Protein backbone atom coordinates (compact mmCIF):
# COMPACT_ATOMS: atom_id res chain seq x y z
CA MET A 1 -18.48 -35.38 -14.06
CA LYS A 2 -17.26 -38.99 -14.59
CA LEU A 3 -17.47 -40.57 -17.83
CA THR A 4 -17.28 -44.00 -18.75
CA LYS A 5 -15.46 -45.69 -21.97
CA GLY A 6 -16.85 -44.25 -25.37
CA GLN A 7 -18.64 -41.34 -23.74
CA LYS A 8 -18.06 -37.63 -24.74
CA LEU A 9 -18.66 -34.58 -23.25
CA VAL A 10 -19.48 -31.40 -25.43
CA ILE A 11 -19.20 -28.00 -23.35
CA GLU A 12 -20.27 -24.69 -25.04
CA ALA A 13 -19.01 -21.61 -23.58
CA LYS A 14 -19.52 -17.77 -24.08
CA ALA A 15 -17.21 -15.18 -23.29
CA ILE A 16 -18.50 -11.85 -22.44
CA LEU A 17 -16.00 -8.67 -22.37
CA ASN A 18 -17.25 -5.84 -20.06
CA ILE A 19 -15.87 -3.44 -17.39
CA GLY A 20 -15.83 -3.59 -13.66
CA ARG A 21 -18.20 -0.58 -13.51
CA ALA A 22 -20.97 -3.23 -14.83
CA HIS A 23 -20.01 -5.97 -12.48
CA ALA A 24 -17.19 -6.72 -9.93
CA LYS A 25 -16.33 -9.87 -11.63
CA TRP A 26 -14.95 -7.92 -14.90
CA GLN A 27 -12.43 -6.19 -12.20
CA ALA A 28 -8.88 -6.79 -12.83
CA THR A 29 -7.76 -5.50 -9.45
CA LEU A 30 -7.92 -7.73 -6.27
CA VAL A 31 -6.51 -5.49 -3.80
CA CYS A 32 -5.60 -2.03 -3.73
CA GLY A 33 -4.81 -0.05 -0.57
CA TYR A 34 -2.31 2.48 0.84
CA LYS A 35 -0.60 3.74 3.81
CA ASN A 36 1.26 6.79 4.95
CA HIS A 37 5.21 6.42 4.07
CA PRO A 38 6.62 5.88 7.72
CA VAL A 39 9.46 7.75 9.56
CA VAL A 40 11.44 6.14 11.83
CA THR A 41 13.82 8.52 14.25
CA ILE A 42 16.22 7.29 16.58
CA SER A 43 17.83 9.95 19.01
CA ASP A 44 21.19 10.08 20.52
CA ALA A 45 19.64 8.95 23.64
CA CYS A 46 19.32 5.52 22.32
CA ASP A 47 21.73 3.02 24.57
CA ALA A 48 20.98 0.17 21.83
CA CYS A 49 19.53 -2.04 24.43
CA GLY A 50 17.80 -4.08 21.68
CA LEU A 51 14.10 -3.94 23.36
CA CYS A 52 12.70 -2.02 20.50
CA VAL A 53 14.19 -4.81 17.89
CA GLU A 54 12.99 -7.35 19.75
CA GLU A 55 9.39 -5.85 19.98
CA CYS A 56 9.14 -4.94 16.26
CA PRO A 57 6.75 -7.48 14.64
CA ARG A 58 8.31 -7.07 11.05
CA GLY A 59 11.92 -6.78 11.81
CA VAL A 60 12.28 -3.39 10.75
CA LEU A 61 14.87 -2.38 13.35
CA GLU A 62 18.44 -3.96 14.13
CA VAL A 63 21.14 -3.06 16.45
CA LYS A 64 24.30 -2.24 14.75
CA GLY A 65 27.37 -1.19 16.64
CA LYS A 66 26.13 0.90 19.64
CA LYS A 67 23.04 2.32 17.99
CA VAL A 68 19.62 0.88 16.62
CA GLN A 69 19.03 1.70 13.06
CA VAL A 70 16.56 0.77 10.42
CA VAL A 71 17.37 -2.30 8.42
CA GLU A 72 18.05 -1.58 4.80
CA GLY A 73 15.01 -1.62 2.58
CA LYS A 74 12.67 -2.57 5.32
CA LEU A 75 11.37 0.85 6.25
CA PRO A 76 8.20 0.23 3.89
CA ASP A 77 7.36 -2.78 5.81
CA CYS A 78 6.89 -0.72 9.28
CA SER A 79 3.27 -0.69 10.12
CA MET A 80 3.49 2.09 12.61
CA CYS A 81 2.23 0.09 15.64
CA LYS A 82 4.68 1.97 17.75
CA LEU A 83 5.54 -1.17 19.89
CA CYS A 84 9.21 -0.27 19.52
CA GLU A 85 8.42 3.22 21.26
CA ARG A 86 6.48 1.58 23.99
CA ALA A 87 9.41 -0.99 24.60
CA CYS A 88 11.82 1.77 24.73
CA LEU A 89 10.01 3.70 27.54
CA ALA A 90 9.66 0.42 29.30
CA SER A 91 13.52 -0.03 29.21
CA GLY A 92 13.55 3.07 31.50
CA ILE A 93 15.32 5.34 29.20
CA GLY A 94 13.50 8.58 30.39
CA GLU A 95 10.01 10.44 29.75
CA GLU A 96 10.63 10.37 25.85
CA PRO A 97 11.30 7.09 23.73
CA ALA A 98 14.76 7.17 21.89
CA VAL A 99 12.93 5.59 19.07
CA LYS A 100 9.98 7.60 17.42
CA ILE A 101 7.30 6.71 14.69
CA ALA A 102 5.86 9.04 12.41
CA ALA A 103 4.15 9.41 9.21
CA GLU A 104 5.27 11.66 6.17
CA PRO A 105 1.82 13.63 5.49
CA ASP A 106 2.56 13.84 1.78
CA ARG A 107 4.01 10.57 0.94
CA PHE A 108 2.18 7.15 0.47
CA ILE A 109 2.81 3.65 -0.22
CA PHE A 110 0.39 2.30 -2.80
CA VAL A 111 -0.36 -1.28 -3.12
CA VAL A 112 -2.10 -2.87 -6.07
CA GLU A 113 -2.71 -6.74 -6.75
CA SER A 114 -3.92 -8.14 -9.80
CA ASP A 115 -5.73 -11.00 -10.90
CA GLY A 116 -3.50 -11.64 -13.86
CA SER A 117 -5.55 -10.30 -16.54
CA LEU A 118 -3.73 -7.04 -16.58
CA SER A 119 -0.27 -6.17 -14.85
CA ALA A 120 -0.18 -3.67 -11.91
CA LYS A 121 1.33 -1.17 -14.13
CA GLU A 122 -1.29 -1.24 -16.62
CA ILE A 123 -4.19 -1.29 -14.05
CA MET A 124 -2.48 2.10 -12.57
CA ASN A 125 -1.84 3.59 -15.99
CA ARG A 126 -5.63 3.10 -16.89
CA ALA A 127 -6.70 4.45 -13.31
CA LEU A 128 -4.66 7.48 -13.63
CA GLN A 129 -5.81 8.05 -17.32
CA PHE A 130 -9.53 7.64 -16.29
CA ILE A 131 -8.87 10.36 -13.27
CA ARG A 132 -7.55 12.35 -15.82
CA GLU A 133 -10.56 12.15 -18.27
CA GLN A 134 -12.79 12.53 -15.22
CA SER A 135 -11.04 15.78 -14.02
CA ASP A 136 -10.92 17.36 -17.59
CA GLU A 137 -14.58 16.88 -17.73
CA LEU A 138 -15.24 18.35 -14.05
CA GLU A 139 -13.10 21.22 -15.40
CA LYS A 140 -15.13 21.70 -18.61
CA GLN A 141 -18.35 21.54 -16.62
CA LEU A 142 -17.23 24.16 -14.45
CA GLY A 143 -16.07 26.42 -17.03
CA ASP A 144 -19.41 26.09 -18.75
CA ILE A 145 -21.17 26.79 -15.44
CA SER A 146 -19.03 29.92 -14.94
CA GLY A 147 -18.93 31.19 -18.40
CA ASP A 148 -15.18 30.81 -18.60
CA GLU A 149 -13.62 28.81 -21.71
CA LYS A 150 -11.19 26.01 -20.74
CA LYS A 151 -7.75 27.13 -21.20
């Protein structure tokens, strides 16, 4: 709005405090997601040709000496696309690639992005507290159904 000289604008606002369960506009978390933690295995058959390094879109691999290895601190960046495996096979190394990508079944990388109203740590603490309360309630209700007391 454009005001001319001597004009004023009066704004009234009303703040409403609520939770994300009522409406998405009250959620403090913008993005959250997870993926399995990658495992990169490089066998002794690696001839350090560097094709896998060139093919990696995230720069996770490097040639150091006469061997390919994971760049320090870059392993979580691996998207497990397996382009490095295909490049290794394309180099004519044999039937099996020297670089193998897998995922740890019991280890995850979890990402939380906040809108700034709460820190990511506070969001995680509150989420874990909520899960704890819900599981305690479920345990209590299951105990009521089976006739057992909560221990």
